[in-house]
Amino acid sequence: MDETQNFRLKYPPLIDPFGRKLTYLRIAVTDRCNLRCTYCMPEEGVPFIPHERIIRFEELYRIVAVMSGSGISKVRITGGEPFVRKGLMEFFERIAALDGLRQIHLTTNGVLIHQYIGKLKRLGVSGINLSMDTLNAEKFKTITRREGWEEVQKSFRLAMEYGIPLKINSVIQRGINDDEIEGLARLAEEHPIQVRFIEQMPFNGLIKEFRKPFTASEIKERLENVFGELYPENNPGSTAQLFSVPGFAGKIGIIAGYSRTFCDSCNRLRITSTGILKTCLYDRGSIDLKTLVRDGADDARLYEAITHAVAKRHKDGFEAEEMTMNIPKQSMAQIGG
């Protein structure tokens, strides 16, 4: 994954009706997770998708190869929790060899990844996003409804030791962990990492009540009350508004996933664990790529289907959500976190 390499696209780049060039693909390799986080799914969990409906790694590889030939240069592997799926490292190794990909990132809850950190470093992983909603072991059990605190801390330490770029993702829930914003932010004071605070989004598998989240503006106000002025940094295409703080080794980020303030520069597509292409987190899904592959579609047909979906991409998440108002909300594990 040499970011300086010259690579000639096989297909025209993917550009939506609003002139946004799509270069970033998020792949949910599974809907399963070894945690039960309160903001992600109900306590009883969600019905898992039958194995035969999950897209196979060889099918995903074909799709990624086509998309890398049309300008997708960054891939993020997510879930559910990606490391609960067997064969993940072999899949990572295969796509890491694709000429068009410049970056491959991982999003994980950190419970299992520590045993793979060394190999990921050797394969050239571009970065790891590690979920860490609390610095308290007991609160971890409350939020995740599971054990695993020590394993997450081990993953954090190993990623730092191996020099892998690290982003800490903290979903802030009102009355649960909003009192830890300062403590979590101080991780970026001590280490050259990003600590990113995320608005809770309405994707927990429930159609029931969704309390107004602790908003991005409230998070920023809380941080400024402690650390003084936050200095915004230019970070085009990112969901996070990054800030520098005097005296910090790292950066602070705020992701307004519920407020959706970053749609104008969004450059990403998603593939769910069932092979559905989504052009927006909030849409119902654009096209079933898995079925196309299984029905024998060649690469040109796959590219045609993807461009057709991109041509119908909504202006923003609010417009996409309006089209799905009567459809039950999925959990983030089902969509791809």
C-alpha atoms as a PDB file:
ATOM      1  CA  MET A   1       0.000   0.000   0.000  1.00  0.00           C
ATOM      2  CA  ASP A   2       2.393   2.622  -1.254  1.00  0.00           C
ATOM      3  CA  GLU A   3       0.656   6.009  -1.165  1.00  0.00           C
ATOM      4  CA  THR A   4       3.062   7.413  -3.765  1.00  0.00           C
ATOM      5  CA  GLN A   5       2.499   4.701  -6.355  1.00  0.00           C
ATOM      6  CA  ASN A   6       1.165   5.552  -9.805  1.00  0.00           C
ATOM      7  CA  PHE A   7      -2.010   3.678 -10.610  1.00  0.00           C
ATOM      8  CA  ARG A   8      -4.104   3.966 -13.745  1.00  0.00           C
ATOM      9  CA  LEU A   9      -7.840   3.538 -13.170  1.00  0.00           C
ATOM     10  CA  LYS A  10      -9.581   0.834 -15.141  1.00  0.00           C
ATOM     11  CA  TYR A  11     -12.920   2.653 -14.965  1.00  0.00           C
ATOM     12  CA  PRO A  12     -14.019   6.308 -14.718  1.00  0.00           C
ATOM     13  CA  PRO A  13     -14.089   7.627 -11.153  1.00  0.00           C
ATOM     14  CA  LEU A  14     -17.257   7.497  -9.067  1.00  0.00           C
ATOM     15  CA  ILE A  15     -18.804  10.970  -8.796  1.00  0.00           C
ATOM     16  CA  ASP A  16     -22.278  11.587  -7.377  1.00  0.00           C
ATOM     17  CA  PRO A  17     -24.875  14.119  -8.704  1.00  0.00           C
ATOM     18  CA  PHE A  18     -23.503  16.800  -6.374  1.00  0.00           C
ATOM     19  CA  GLY A  19     -19.927  16.564  -7.621  1.00  0.00           C
ATOM     20  CA  ARG A  20     -18.583  14.570  -4.671  1.00  0.00           C
ATOM     21  CA  LYS A  21     -15.866  12.137  -5.733  1.00  0.00           C
ATOM     22  CA  LEU A  22     -16.168   8.829  -3.881  1.00  0.00           C
ATOM     23  CA  THR A  23     -12.830   7.397  -2.813  1.00  0.00           C
ATOM     24  CA  TYR A  24     -13.573   5.679   0.512  1.00  0.00           C
ATOM     25  CA  LEU A  25     -15.311   2.329   1.079  1.00  0.00           C
ATOM     26  CA  ARG A  26     -16.450   0.959   4.448  1.00  0.00           C
ATOM     27  CA  ILE A  27     -16.941  -2.812   4.504  1.00  0.00           C
ATOM     28  CA  ALA A  28     -18.922  -4.568   7.235  1.00  0.00           C
ATOM     29  CA  VAL A  29     -17.601  -8.122   7.134  1.00  0.00           C
ATOM     30  CA  THR A  30     -20.056  -9.383   9.769  1.00  0.00           C
ATOM     31  CA  ASP A  31     -23.118  -8.331  11.746  1.00  0.00           C
ATOM     32  CA  ARG A  32     -21.961 -10.305  14.777  1.00  0.00           C
ATOM     33  CA  CYS A  33     -20.287  -8.787  17.807  1.00  0.00           C
ATOM     34  CA  ASN A  34     -18.895 -10.075  21.086  1.00  0.00           C
ATOM     35  CA  LEU A  35     -20.199  -7.013  22.963  1.00  0.00           C
ATOM     36  CA  ARG A  36     -23.737  -5.655  23.438  1.00  0.00           C
ATOM     37  CA  CYS A  37     -23.168  -1.907  23.673  1.00  0.00           C
ATOM     38  CA  THR A  38     -26.207   0.038  24.825  1.00  0.00           C
ATOM     39  CA  TYR A  39     -26.003   2.532  21.939  1.00  0.00           C
ATOM     40  CA  CYS A  40     -25.655  -0.191  19.305  1.00  0.00           C
ATOM     41  CA  MET A  41     -28.271  -2.839  20.088  1.00  0.00           C
ATOM     42  CA  PRO A  42     -30.921  -3.761  22.661  1.00  0.00           C
ATOM     43  CA  GLU A  43     -29.950  -5.865  25.677  1.00  0.00           C
ATOM     44  CA  GLU A  44     -31.323  -9.067  24.154  1.00  0.00           C
ATOM     45  CA  GLY A  45     -29.250  -8.430  21.027  1.00  0.00           C
ATOM     46  CA  VAL A  46     -30.586  -8.504  17.477  1.00  0.00           C
ATOM     47  CA  PRO A  47     -31.355 -11.534  15.282  1.00  0.00           C
ATOM     48  CA  PHE A  48     -28.145 -12.507  13.537  1.00  0.00           C
ATOM     49  CA  ILE A  49     -28.194 -12.825   9.763  1.00  0.00           C
ATOM     50  CA  PRO A  50     -28.058 -16.466   8.593  1.00  0.00           C
ATOM     51  CA  HIS A  51     -24.626 -17.548   7.406  1.00  0.00           C
ATOM     52  CA  GLU A  52     -25.727 -18.134   3.803  1.00  0.00           C
ATOM     53  CA  ARG A  53     -26.862 -14.501   3.507  1.00  0.00           C
ATOM     54  CA  ILE A  54     -23.473 -13.119   4.571  1.00  0.00           C
ATOM     55  CA  ILE A  55     -21.273 -12.089   1.678  1.00  0.00           C
ATOM     56  CA  ARG A  56     -18.249 -14.345   1.235  1.00  0.00           C
ATOM     57  CA  PHE A  57     -14.713 -12.993   1.363  1.00  0.00           C
ATOM     58  CA  GLU A  58     -14.017 -14.054  -2.238  1.00  0.00           C
ATOM     59  CA  GLU A  59     -17.115 -12.116  -3.337  1.00  0.00           C
ATOM     60  CA  LEU A  60     -16.014  -9.077  -1.380  1.00  0.00           C
ATOM     61  CA  TYR A  61     -12.561  -9.289  -2.902  1.00  0.00           C
ATOM     62  CA  ARG A  62     -14.019  -9.129  -6.448  1.00  0.00           C
ATOM     63  CA  ILE A  63     -16.131  -6.105  -5.555  1.00  0.00           C
ATOM     64  CA  VAL A  64     -13.233  -4.287  -3.868  1.00  0.00           C
ATOM     65  CA  ALA A  65     -11.010  -5.006  -6.883  1.00  0.00           C
ATOM     66  CA  VAL A  66     -13.582  -3.420  -9.224  1.00  0.00           C
ATOM     67  CA  MET A  67     -14.078  -0.423  -6.953  1.00  0.00           C
ATOM     68  CA  SER A  68     -10.347   0.131  -6.505  1.00  0.00           C
ATOM     69  CA  GLY A  69     -10.207   0.278 -10.299  1.00  0.00           C
ATOM     70  CA  SER A  70     -12.709   3.141 -10.230  1.00  0.00           C
ATOM     71  CA  GLY A  71     -11.007   5.374  -7.708  1.00  0.00           C
ATOM     72  CA  ILE A  72     -11.692   3.817  -4.306  1.00  0.00           C
ATOM     73  CA  SER A  73      -8.299   4.215  -2.654  1.00  0.00           C
ATOM     74  CA  LYS A  74      -9.223   3.810   1.015  1.00  0.00           C
ATOM     75  CA  VAL A  75     -10.992   0.854   2.619  1.00  0.00           C
ATOM     76  CA  ARG A  76     -12.136   0.468   6.199  1.00  0.00           C
ATOM     77  CA  ILE A  77     -12.987  -2.987   7.543  1.00  0.00           C
ATOM     78  CA  THR A  78     -15.629  -2.961  10.220  1.00  0.00           C
ATOM     79  CA  GLY A  79     -18.562  -5.011  11.525  1.00  0.00           C
ATOM     80  CA  GLY A  80     -20.173  -5.816  13.963  1.00  0.00           C
ATOM     81  CA  GLU A  81     -16.811  -6.737  15.332  1.00  0.00           C
ATOM     82  CA  PRO A  82     -14.664  -7.793  12.349  1.00  0.00           C
ATOM     83  CA  PHE A  83     -12.366 -10.058  14.366  1.00  0.00           C
ATOM     84  CA  VAL A  84     -15.161 -12.464  15.311  1.00  0.00           C
ATOM     85  CA  ARG A  85     -15.227 -13.616  11.672  1.00  0.00           C
ATOM     86  CA  LYS A  86     -12.842 -16.396  10.681  1.00  0.00           C
ATOM     87  CA  GLY A  87     -10.604 -15.701   7.710  1.00  0.00           C
ATOM     88  CA  LEU A  88     -10.434 -11.939   8.263  1.00  0.00           C
ATOM     89  CA  MET A  89      -6.636 -11.755   8.240  1.00  0.00           C
ATOM     90  CA  GLU A  90      -6.424 -13.707   4.974  1.00  0.00           C
ATOM     91  CA  PHE A  91      -8.935 -11.293   3.422  1.00  0.00           C
ATOM     92  CA  PHE A  92      -6.926  -8.334   4.712  1.00  0.00           C
ATOM     93  CA  GLU A  93      -3.783  -9.793   3.183  1.00  0.00           C
ATOM     94  CA  ARG A  94      -5.473 -10.244  -0.227  1.00  0.00           C
ATOM     95  CA  ILE A  95      -6.889  -6.748  -0.512  1.00  0.00           C
ATOM     96  CA  ALA A  96      -3.648  -5.247   0.822  1.00  0.00           C
ATOM     97  CA  ALA A  97      -2.042  -6.508  -2.395  1.00  0.00           C
ATOM     98  CA  LEU A  98      -4.469  -4.611  -4.673  1.00  0.00           C
ATOM     99  CA  ASP A  99      -2.600  -1.922  -6.596  1.00  0.00           C
ATOM    100  CA  GLY A 100      -5.326   0.713  -6.343  1.00  0.00           C
ATOM    101  CA  LEU A 101      -5.685   0.713  -2.569  1.00  0.00           C
ATOM    102  CA  ARG A 102      -3.526   3.246  -0.770  1.00  0.00           C
ATOM    103  CA  GLN A 103      -4.974   2.787   2.727  1.00  0.00           C
ATOM    104  CA  ILE A 104      -6.634  -0.029   4.672  1.00  0.00           C
ATOM    105  CA  HIS A 105      -8.024   0.798   8.096  1.00  0.00           C
ATOM    106  CA  LEU A 106      -9.787  -1.238  10.771  1.00  0.00           C
ATOM    107  CA  THR A 107     -12.517  -0.384  13.249  1.00  0.00           C
ATOM    108  CA  THR A 108     -12.673  -2.665  16.276  1.00  0.00           C
ATOM    109  CA  ASN A 109     -13.905  -2.864  19.847  1.00  0.00           C
ATOM    110  CA  GLY A 110     -10.417  -4.040  20.810  1.00  0.00           C
ATOM    111  CA  VAL A 111     -11.316  -7.255  22.633  1.00  0.00           C
ATOM    112  CA  LEU A 112      -9.702  -9.633  20.110  1.00  0.00           C
ATOM    113  CA  ILE A 113      -7.344  -7.550  17.973  1.00  0.00           C
ATOM    114  CA  HIS A 114      -4.345  -7.576  20.342  1.00  0.00           C
ATOM    115  CA  GLN A 115      -3.278 -11.025  19.094  1.00  0.00           C
ATOM    116  CA  TYR A 116      -3.068  -9.708  15.506  1.00  0.00           C
ATOM    117  CA  ILE A 117      -1.398  -6.317  16.023  1.00  0.00           C
ATOM    118  CA  GLY A 118       2.079  -7.486  14.974  1.00  0.00           C
ATOM    119  CA  LYS A 119       0.862  -9.105  11.755  1.00  0.00           C
ATOM    120  CA  LEU A 120      -1.284  -6.089  10.900  1.00  0.00           C
ATOM    121  CA  LYS A 121       1.774  -3.882  11.273  1.00  0.00           C
ATOM    122  CA  ARG A 122       3.752  -6.131   8.912  1.00  0.00           C
ATOM    123  CA  LEU A 123       0.928  -6.074   6.359  1.00  0.00           C
ATOM    124  CA  GLY A 124       0.916  -2.281   6.423  1.00  0.00           C
ATOM    125  CA  VAL A 125      -2.342  -1.439   8.167  1.00  0.00           C
ATOM    126  CA  SER A 126      -2.888   2.309   7.787  1.00  0.00           C
ATOM    127  CA  GLY A 127      -4.651   2.840  11.075  1.00  0.00           C
ATOM    128  CA  ILE A 128      -6.918   1.407  13.745  1.00  0.00           C
ATOM    129  CA  ASN A 129     -10.063   2.958  15.165  1.00  0.00           C
ATOM    130  CA  LEU A 130     -10.510   1.590  18.670  1.00  0.00           C
ATOM    131  CA  SER A 131     -13.768   1.939  20.581  1.00  0.00           C
ATOM    132  CA  MET A 132     -13.224   3.257  24.094  1.00  0.00           C
ATOM    133  CA  ASP A 133     -16.281   4.844  25.696  1.00  0.00           C
ATOM    134  CA  THR A 134     -14.989   4.857  29.243  1.00  0.00           C
ATOM    135  CA  LEU A 135     -11.807   4.706  31.304  1.00  0.00           C
ATOM    136  CA  ASN A 136     -13.579   2.795  34.068  1.00  0.00           C
ATOM    137  CA  ALA A 137     -13.642  -1.020  34.071  1.00  0.00           C
ATOM    138  CA  GLU A 138     -17.003  -1.264  35.859  1.00  0.00           C
ATOM    139  CA  LYS A 139     -18.637   1.283  33.559  1.00  0.00           C
ATOM    140  CA  PHE A 140     -17.244  -0.687  30.609  1.00  0.00           C
ATOM    141  CA  LYS A 141     -19.318  -3.666  31.762  1.00  0.00           C
ATOM    142  CA  THR A 142     -22.374  -1.421  32.123  1.00  0.00           C
ATOM    143  CA  ILE A 143     -22.040   0.037  28.616  1.00  0.00           C
ATOM    144  CA  THR A 144     -21.010  -3.138  26.787  1.00  0.00           C
ATOM    145  CA  ARG A 145     -22.917  -5.646  28.979  1.00  0.00           C
ATOM    146  CA  ARG A 146     -19.828  -7.853  28.698  1.00  0.00           C
ATOM    147  CA  GLU A 147     -16.300  -8.357  30.049  1.00  0.00           C
ATOM    148  CA  GLY A 148     -13.231  -7.367  28.025  1.00  0.00           C
ATOM    149  CA  TRP A 149     -11.818  -4.225  29.607  1.00  0.00           C
ATOM    150  CA  GLU A 150      -8.303  -5.608  30.099  1.00  0.00           C
ATOM    151  CA  GLU A 151      -8.141  -6.882  26.504  1.00  0.00           C
ATOM    152  CA  VAL A 152      -9.105  -3.456  25.150  1.00  0.00           C
ATOM    153  CA  GLN A 153      -6.389  -1.815  27.227  1.00  0.00           C
ATOM    154  CA  LYS A 154      -3.864  -4.362  25.947  1.00  0.00           C
ATOM    155  CA  SER A 155      -4.869  -3.602  22.343  1.00  0.00           C
ATOM    156  CA  PHE A 156      -4.431   0.114  23.019  1.00  0.00           C
ATOM    157  CA  ARG A 157      -0.947  -0.374  24.462  1.00  0.00           C
ATOM    158  CA  LEU A 158       0.207  -2.703  21.657  1.00  0.00           C
ATOM    159  CA  ALA A 159      -1.024  -0.385  18.901  1.00  0.00           C
ATOM    160  CA  MET A 160       0.974   2.405  20.534  1.00  0.00           C
ATOM    161  CA  GLU A 161       4.086   0.199  20.867  1.00  0.00           C
ATOM    162  CA  TYR A 162       3.953  -0.822  17.195  1.00  0.00           C
ATOM    163  CA  GLY A 163       3.477   2.766  16.066  1.00  0.00           C
ATOM    164  CA  ILE A 164       0.159   2.125  14.323  1.00  0.00           C
ATOM    165  CA  PRO A 165      -1.848   5.356  13.830  1.00  0.00           C
ATOM    166  CA  LEU A 166      -4.626   5.178  16.394  1.00  0.00           C
ATOM    167  CA  LYS A 167      -8.013   6.847  16.733  1.00  0.00           C
ATOM    168  CA  ILE A 168     -10.075   6.388  19.870  1.00  0.00           C
ATOM    169  CA  ASN A 169     -13.832   6.433  19.222  1.00  0.00           C
ATOM    170  CA  SER A 170     -16.001   7.442  22.182  1.00  0.00           C
ATOM    171  CA  VAL A 171     -19.783   7.505  21.820  1.00  0.00           C
ATOM    172  CA  ILE A 172     -21.056  10.005  24.376  1.00  0.00           C
ATOM    173  CA  GLN A 173     -24.314   9.123  26.107  1.00  0.00           C
ATOM    174  CA  ARG A 174     -26.075  11.640  28.267  1.00  0.00           C
ATOM    175  CA  GLY A 175     -25.982  10.680  31.921  1.00  0.00           C
ATOM    176  CA  ILE A 176     -23.807   7.630  31.265  1.00  0.00           C
ATOM    177  CA  ASN A 177     -20.333   8.726  30.202  1.00  0.00           C
ATOM    178  CA  ASP A 178     -20.582  12.455  29.464  1.00  0.00           C
ATOM    179  CA  ASP A 179     -18.731  12.948  32.753  1.00  0.00           C
ATOM    180  CA  GLU A 180     -15.665  11.279  31.169  1.00  0.00           C
ATOM    181  CA  ILE A 181     -15.172  13.680  28.279  1.00  0.00           C
ATOM    182  CA  GLU A 182     -12.251  15.418  30.002  1.00  0.00           C
ATOM    183  CA  GLY A 183     -10.533  12.183  31.026  1.00  0.00           C
ATOM    184  CA  LEU A 184     -10.835  10.650  27.574  1.00  0.00           C
ATOM    185  CA  ALA A 185      -9.580  13.858  25.953  1.00  0.00           C
ATOM    186  CA  ARG A 186      -6.454  13.723  28.104  1.00  0.00           C
ATOM    187  CA  LEU A 187      -5.406  10.551  26.274  1.00  0.00           C
ATOM    188  CA  ALA A 188      -4.651  12.868  23.359  1.00  0.00           C
ATOM    189  CA  GLU A 189      -2.792  15.178  25.692  1.00  0.00           C
ATOM    190  CA  GLU A 190      -0.417  12.332  26.581  1.00  0.00           C
ATOM    191  CA  HIS A 191      -0.229  10.412  23.282  1.00  0.00           C
ATOM    192  CA  PRO A 192       0.031  11.314  19.549  1.00  0.00           C
ATOM    193  CA  ILE A 193      -3.425   9.928  18.796  1.00  0.00           C
ATOM    194  CA  GLN A 194      -6.855  11.222  17.881  1.00  0.00           C
ATOM    195  CA  VAL A 195      -9.605  11.026  20.476  1.00  0.00           C
ATOM    196  CA  ARG A 196     -12.930  11.411  18.688  1.00  0.00           C
ATOM    197  CA  PHE A 197     -16.196  12.071  20.472  1.00  0.00           C
ATOM    198  CA  ILE A 198     -19.264  10.793  18.633  1.00  0.00           C
ATOM    199  CA  GLU A 199     -22.878  11.839  18.892  1.00  0.00           C
ATOM    200  CA  GLN A 200     -25.106   8.853  19.604  1.00  0.00           C
ATOM    201  CA  MET A 201     -27.061   7.917  16.476  1.00  0.00           C
ATOM    202  CA  PRO A 202     -30.547   6.345  16.204  1.00  0.00           C
ATOM    203  CA  PHE A 203     -29.273   2.925  15.100  1.00  0.00           C
ATOM    204  CA  ASN A 204     -29.625   0.581  18.070  1.00  0.00           C
ATOM    205  CA  GLY A 205     -32.062  -1.886  16.523  1.00  0.00           C
ATOM    206  CA  LEU A 206     -35.063  -0.232  18.170  1.00  0.00           C
ATOM    207  CA  ILE A 207     -37.896   1.763  16.674  1.00  0.00           C
ATOM    208  CA  LYS A 208     -38.755   2.842  20.216  1.00  0.00           C
ATOM    209  CA  GLU A 209     -37.777   6.006  21.977  1.00  0.00           C
ATOM    210  CA  PHE A 210     -34.524   7.656  21.051  1.00  0.00           C
ATOM    211  CA  ARG A 211     -33.468  10.337  23.465  1.00  0.00           C
ATOM    212  CA  LYS A 212     -31.839  13.444  22.052  1.00  0.00           C
ATOM    213  CA  PRO A 213     -28.110  12.794  22.076  1.00  0.00           C
ATOM    214  CA  PHE A 214     -25.392  14.719  23.827  1.00  0.00           C
ATOM    215  CA  THR A 215     -24.694  16.911  20.816  1.00  0.00           C
ATOM    216  CA  ALA A 216     -21.488  17.899  19.098  1.00  0.00           C
ATOM    217  CA  SER A 217     -21.924  21.496  20.239  1.00  0.00           C
ATOM    218  CA  GLU A 218     -22.359  20.361  23.836  1.00  0.00           C
ATOM    219  CA  ILE A 219     -19.234  18.198  23.584  1.00  0.00           C
ATOM    220  CA  LYS A 220     -17.249  21.127  22.200  1.00  0.00           C
ATOM    221  CA  GLU A 221     -18.535  23.436  24.933  1.00  0.00           C
ATOM    222  CA  ARG A 222     -17.585  20.918  27.618  1.00  0.00           C
ATOM    223  CA  LEU A 223     -14.062  20.590  26.185  1.00  0.00           C
ATOM    224  CA  GLU A 224     -13.568  24.362  25.891  1.00  0.00           C
ATOM    225  CA  ASN A 225     -14.678  24.850  29.482  1.00  0.00           C
ATOM    226  CA  VAL A 226     -11.751  22.649  30.516  1.00  0.00           C
ATOM    227  CA  PHE A 227      -9.045  23.208  27.907  1.00  0.00           C
ATOM    228  CA  GLY A 228      -9.834  26.649  26.532  1.00  0.00           C
ATOM    229  CA  GLU A 229     -10.212  27.420  22.831  1.00  0.00           C
ATOM    230  CA  LEU A 230     -10.098  24.505  20.391  1.00  0.00           C
ATOM    231  CA  TYR A 231      -8.376  25.305  17.103  1.00  0.00           C
ATOM    232  CA  PRO A 232     -10.125  23.721  14.086  1.00  0.00           C
ATOM    233  CA  GLU A 233      -8.008  21.942  11.496  1.00  0.00           C
ATOM    234  CA  ASN A 234      -8.756  21.443   7.821  1.00  0.00           C
ATOM    235  CA  ASN A 235      -9.716  17.798   7.341  1.00  0.00           C
ATOM    236  CA  PRO A 236     -11.751  17.536   4.090  1.00  0.00           C
ATOM    237  CA  GLY A 237     -13.791  14.385   3.551  1.00  0.00           C
ATOM    238  CA  SER A 238     -13.657  13.355   7.204  1.00  0.00           C
ATOM    239  CA  THR A 239     -16.705  12.819   9.383  1.00  0.00           C
ATOM    240  CA  ALA A 240     -14.734  14.280  12.282  1.00  0.00           C
ATOM    241  CA  GLN A 241     -14.095  17.957  12.829  1.00  0.00           C
ATOM    242  CA  LEU A 242     -10.526  17.877  14.131  1.00  0.00           C
ATOM    243  CA  PHE A 243      -9.148  20.329  16.666  1.00  0.00           C
ATOM    244  CA  SER A 244      -5.692  21.010  18.010  1.00  0.00           C
ATOM    245  CA  VAL A 245      -5.242  21.924  21.660  1.00  0.00           C
ATOM    246  CA  PRO A 246      -2.134  23.746  22.895  1.00  0.00           C
ATOM    247  CA  GLY A 247       0.135  21.346  24.751  1.00  0.00           C
ATOM    248  CA  PHE A 248      -1.530  18.192  23.378  1.00  0.00           C
ATOM    249  CA  ALA A 249       0.529  15.499  21.671  1.00  0.00           C
ATOM    250  CA  GLY A 250      -2.522  14.426  19.661  1.00  0.00           C
ATOM    251  CA  LYS A 251      -5.786  15.842  18.348  1.00  0.00           C
ATOM    252  CA  ILE A 252      -9.401  16.007  19.444  1.00  0.00           C
ATOM    253  CA  GLY A 253     -12.190  15.140  17.026  1.00  0.00           C
ATOM    254  CA  ILE A 254     -15.954  15.570  17.188  1.00  0.00           C
ATOM    255  CA  ILE A 255     -18.249  13.535  14.935  1.00  0.00           C
ATOM    256  CA  ALA A 256     -21.729  15.000  14.477  1.00  0.00           C
ATOM    257  CA  GLY A 257     -23.263  11.772  13.171  1.00  0.00           C
ATOM    258  CA  TYR A 258     -26.733  12.713  14.374  1.00  0.00           C
ATOM    259  CA  SER A 259     -26.498  16.401  13.431  1.00  0.00           C
ATOM    260  CA  ARG A 260     -24.963  15.438  10.042  1.00  0.00           C
ATOM    261  CA  THR A 261     -22.852  18.538   9.513  1.00  0.00           C
ATOM    262  CA  PHE A 262     -20.314  16.779   7.244  1.00  0.00           C
ATOM    263  CA  CYS A 263     -22.537  15.587   4.368  1.00  0.00           C
ATOM    264  CA  ASP A 264     -21.339  18.224   1.894  1.00  0.00           C
ATOM    265  CA  SER A 265     -17.885  16.648   1.706  1.00  0.00           C
ATOM    266  CA  CYS A 266     -18.806  12.992   2.284  1.00  0.00           C
ATOM    267  CA  ASN A 267     -16.685  10.752   0.039  1.00  0.00           C
ATOM    268  CA  ARG A 268     -17.724   7.299   1.292  1.00  0.00           C
ATOM    269  CA  LEU A 269     -19.736   4.289   0.286  1.00  0.00           C
ATOM    270  CA  ARG A 270     -20.686   1.294   2.444  1.00  0.00           C
ATOM    271  CA  ILE A 271     -21.113  -2.411   1.853  1.00  0.00           C
ATOM    272  CA  THR A 272     -23.141  -4.229   4.497  1.00  0.00           C
ATOM    273  CA  SER A 273     -22.414  -7.756   5.673  1.00  0.00           C
ATOM    274  CA  THR A 274     -25.109  -9.036   3.299  1.00  0.00           C
ATOM    275  CA  GLY A 275     -23.480  -7.328   0.316  1.00  0.00           C
ATOM    276  CA  ILE A 276     -25.822  -4.358   0.031  1.00  0.00           C
ATOM    277  CA  LEU A 277     -24.235  -1.164  -1.291  1.00  0.00           C
ATOM    278  CA  LYS A 278     -25.250   1.918   0.678  1.00  0.00           C
ATOM    279  CA  THR A 279     -24.440   5.382  -0.618  1.00  0.00           C
ATOM    280  CA  CYS A 280     -25.376   6.933   2.751  1.00  0.00           C
ATOM    281  CA  LEU A 281     -25.484   5.668   6.329  1.00  0.00           C
ATOM    282  CA  TYR A 282     -29.133   6.715   6.499  1.00  0.00           C
ATOM    283  CA  ASP A 283     -30.400   5.195   3.246  1.00  0.00           C
ATOM    284  CA  ARG A 284     -32.148   1.822   2.875  1.00  0.00           C
ATOM    285  CA  GLY A 285     -29.475   0.376   0.583  1.00  0.00           C
ATOM    286  CA  SER A 286     -28.979   0.967  -3.106  1.00  0.00           C
ATOM    287  CA  ILE A 287     -28.171  -2.369  -4.743  1.00  0.00           C
ATOM    288  CA  ASP A 288     -27.509  -6.009  -3.852  1.00  0.00           C
ATOM    289  CA  LEU A 289     -23.944  -6.595  -5.044  1.00  0.00           C
ATOM    290  CA  LYS A 290     -23.740 -10.059  -3.494  1.00  0.00           C
ATOM    291  CA  THR A 291     -26.633 -11.329  -5.624  1.00  0.00           C
ATOM    292  CA  LEU A 292     -25.101  -9.798  -8.736  1.00  0.00           C
ATOM    293  CA  VAL A 293     -21.846 -11.633  -8.092  1.00  0.00           C
ATOM    294  CA  ARG A 294     -23.611 -14.918  -7.356  1.00  0.00           C
ATOM    295  CA  ASP A 295     -25.672 -14.540 -10.525  1.00  0.00           C
ATOM    296  CA  GLY A 296     -22.478 -14.364 -12.572  1.00  0.00           C
ATOM    297  CA  ALA A 297     -22.132 -10.626 -13.253  1.00  0.00           C
ATOM    298  CA  ASP A 298     -18.775  -9.745 -14.783  1.00  0.00           C
ATOM    299  CA  ASP A 299     -16.651  -6.825 -13.586  1.00  0.00           C
ATOM    300  CA  ALA A 300     -18.138  -4.403 -16.122  1.00  0.00           C
ATOM    301  CA  ARG A 301     -21.654  -5.230 -14.922  1.00  0.00           C
ATOM    302  CA  LEU A 302     -20.633  -4.709 -11.294  1.00  0.00           C
ATOM    303  CA  TYR A 303     -19.137  -1.317 -12.142  1.00  0.00           C
ATOM    304  CA  GLU A 304     -22.294  -0.369 -14.058  1.00  0.00           C
ATOM    305  CA  ALA A 305     -24.482  -1.278 -11.060  1.00  0.00           C
ATOM    306  CA  ILE A 306     -22.300   0.742  -8.692  1.00  0.00           C
ATOM    307  CA  THR A 307     -22.340   3.828 -10.917  1.00  0.00           C
ATOM    308  CA  HIS A 308     -26.124   3.523 -11.244  1.00  0.00           C
ATOM    309  CA  ALA A 309     -26.438   3.604  -7.450  1.00  0.00           C
ATOM    310  CA  VAL A 310     -24.013   6.521  -7.125  1.00  0.00           C
ATOM    311  CA  ALA A 311     -26.048   8.462  -9.721  1.00  0.00           C
ATOM    312  CA  LYS A 312     -29.035   8.298  -7.355  1.00  0.00           C
ATOM    313  CA  ARG A 313     -27.135   9.320  -4.227  1.00  0.00           C
ATOM    314  CA  HIS A 314     -29.002  11.718  -1.949  1.00  0.00           C
ATOM    315  CA  LYS A 315     -27.801  15.211  -1.171  1.00  0.00           C
ATOM    316  CA  ASP A 316     -27.408  14.504   2.557  1.00  0.00           C
ATOM    317  CA  GLY A 317     -28.371  12.211   5.402  1.00  0.00           C
ATOM    318  CA  PHE A 318     -31.587  14.088   6.137  1.00  0.00           C
ATOM    319  CA  GLU A 319     -32.876  13.552   2.599  1.00  0.00           C
ATOM    320  CA  ALA A 320     -31.838   9.887   2.714  1.00  0.00           C
ATOM    321  CA  GLU A 321     -33.522   9.390   6.089  1.00  0.00           C
ATOM    322  CA  GLU A 322     -36.746  10.990   4.859  1.00  0.00           C
ATOM    323  CA  MET A 323     -37.005   8.233   2.249  1.00  0.00           C
ATOM    324  CA  THR A 324     -36.812   5.557   4.962  1.00  0.00           C
ATOM    325  CA  MET A 325     -39.028   7.026   7.688  1.00  0.00           C
ATOM    326  CA  ASN A 326     -41.379   4.026   7.768  1.00  0.00           C
ATOM    327  CA  ILE A 327     -38.620   1.404   7.775  1.00  0.00           C
ATOM    328  CA  PRO A 328     -37.552   0.037  11.201  1.00  0.00           C
ATOM    329  CA  LYS A 329     -34.150   1.273  12.300  1.00  0.00           C
ATOM    330  CA  GLN A 330     -31.371  -1.305  12.171  1.00  0.00           C
ATOM    331  CA  SER A 331     -28.566  -1.578  14.678  1.00  0.00           C
ATOM    332  CA  MET A 332     -25.149  -0.193  13.841  1.00  0.00           C
ATOM    333  CA  ALA A 333     -23.847  -3.781  13.921  1.00  0.00           C
ATOM    334  CA  GLN A 334     -26.238  -4.665  11.088  1.00  0.00           C
ATOM    335  CA  ILE A 335     -25.407  -1.578   9.016  1.00  0.00           C
ATOM    336  CA  GLY A 336     -21.681  -1.502   9.588  1.00  0.00           C
ATOM    337  CA  GLY A 337     -20.388   0.839  12.298  1.00  0.00           C
END
